[in-house]
Amino acid sequence: TLIYTAIDVEGMGTGPLISKEIVDLLRGKADEVIYAGGVSTCEHIKQLRDLGLDGVIVGYMLYVRGVDCYE
């Protein structure tokens, strides 16, 4: 498992900062890739899922809004 933290947006809730190219590169280093940084909405989580990430750390989102994402 590899955790990628976008420190430029960590704790800001401004949205994720990662590209498909980075996800593909990380996928070559680990079977499971988790993202952290800037996540504050359910839409952010969906965007990260669509990039192919296996999980998301939602610390800021929990602190400010709580998690209430249902599909």
Protein backbone atom coordinates (compact mmCIF):
# COMPACT_ATOMS: atom_id res chain seq x y z
CA THR A 1 0.00 0.00 0.00
CA LEU A 2 1.24 3.45 -0.94
CA ILE A 3 -0.21 6.71 0.44
CA TYR A 4 0.26 9.77 -1.75
CA THR A 5 -0.24 13.08 0.07
CA ALA A 6 -0.55 16.29 -1.92
CA ILE A 7 1.05 18.59 0.65
CA ASP A 8 0.26 21.74 -1.34
CA VAL A 9 -3.46 21.29 -0.61
CA GLU A 10 -3.35 19.24 2.61
CA GLY A 11 -5.80 20.63 5.17
CA MET A 12 -7.20 23.24 2.80
CA GLY A 13 -10.25 21.52 1.33
CA THR A 14 -9.61 23.10 -2.06
CA GLY A 15 -9.79 19.85 -4.00
CA PRO A 16 -7.42 17.06 -4.96
CA LEU A 17 -4.15 17.72 -6.73
CA ILE A 18 -3.19 14.60 -8.68
CA SER A 19 -3.26 13.51 -12.31
CA LYS A 20 -3.93 10.20 -14.04
CA GLU A 21 -0.26 10.11 -15.05
CA ILE A 22 0.84 10.26 -11.41
CA VAL A 23 -1.67 7.57 -10.45
CA ASP A 24 -0.30 5.32 -13.21
CA LEU A 25 3.27 5.94 -12.01
CA LEU A 26 2.34 5.14 -8.40
CA ARG A 27 0.45 2.04 -9.52
CA GLY A 28 3.77 0.73 -10.83
CA LYS A 29 5.19 0.96 -7.30
CA ALA A 30 2.31 -0.52 -5.27
CA ASP A 31 -0.77 -2.65 -5.75
CA GLU A 32 -2.90 -0.29 -3.65
CA VAL A 33 -2.70 3.51 -3.88
CA ILE A 34 -4.41 5.80 -1.35
CA TYR A 35 -4.71 9.58 -1.80
CA ALA A 36 -4.72 12.37 0.80
CA GLY A 37 -4.92 16.14 0.45
CA GLY A 38 -7.57 18.76 -0.26
CA VAL A 39 -10.58 16.45 -0.21
CA SER A 40 -13.71 18.20 1.09
CA THR A 41 -16.67 17.00 -0.98
CA CYS A 42 -18.23 13.79 -2.23
CA GLU A 43 -17.48 14.98 -5.76
CA HIS A 44 -13.77 15.06 -4.90
CA ILE A 45 -14.00 11.44 -3.77
CA LYS A 46 -15.73 10.47 -7.02
CA GLN A 47 -13.05 12.26 -9.07
CA LEU A 48 -10.32 10.35 -7.26
CA ARG A 49 -12.14 7.04 -7.71
CA ASP A 50 -12.44 7.78 -11.43
CA LEU A 51 -8.66 8.31 -11.58
CA GLY A 52 -8.25 4.73 -10.38
CA LEU A 53 -7.25 5.28 -6.76
CA ASP A 54 -8.07 2.56 -4.23
CA GLY A 55 -8.89 4.81 -1.30
CA VAL A 56 -9.02 8.37 -0.01
CA ILE A 57 -8.10 9.87 3.35
CA VAL A 58 -10.74 12.44 4.26
CA GLY A 59 -9.35 14.07 7.41
CA TYR A 60 -10.30 17.66 6.53
CA MET A 61 -13.71 16.60 5.25
CA LEU A 62 -14.45 14.74 8.48
CA TYR A 63 -13.35 17.68 10.59
CA VAL A 64 -15.31 20.35 8.71
CA ARG A 65 -18.33 18.62 7.19
CA GLY A 66 -18.47 14.99 8.17
CA VAL A 67 -18.89 12.33 5.54
CA ASP A 68 -22.32 11.91 4.02
CA CYS A 69 -21.69 10.39 0.60
CA TYR A 70 -24.15 7.87 -0.75
CA GLU A 71 -24.51 6.46 -4.22
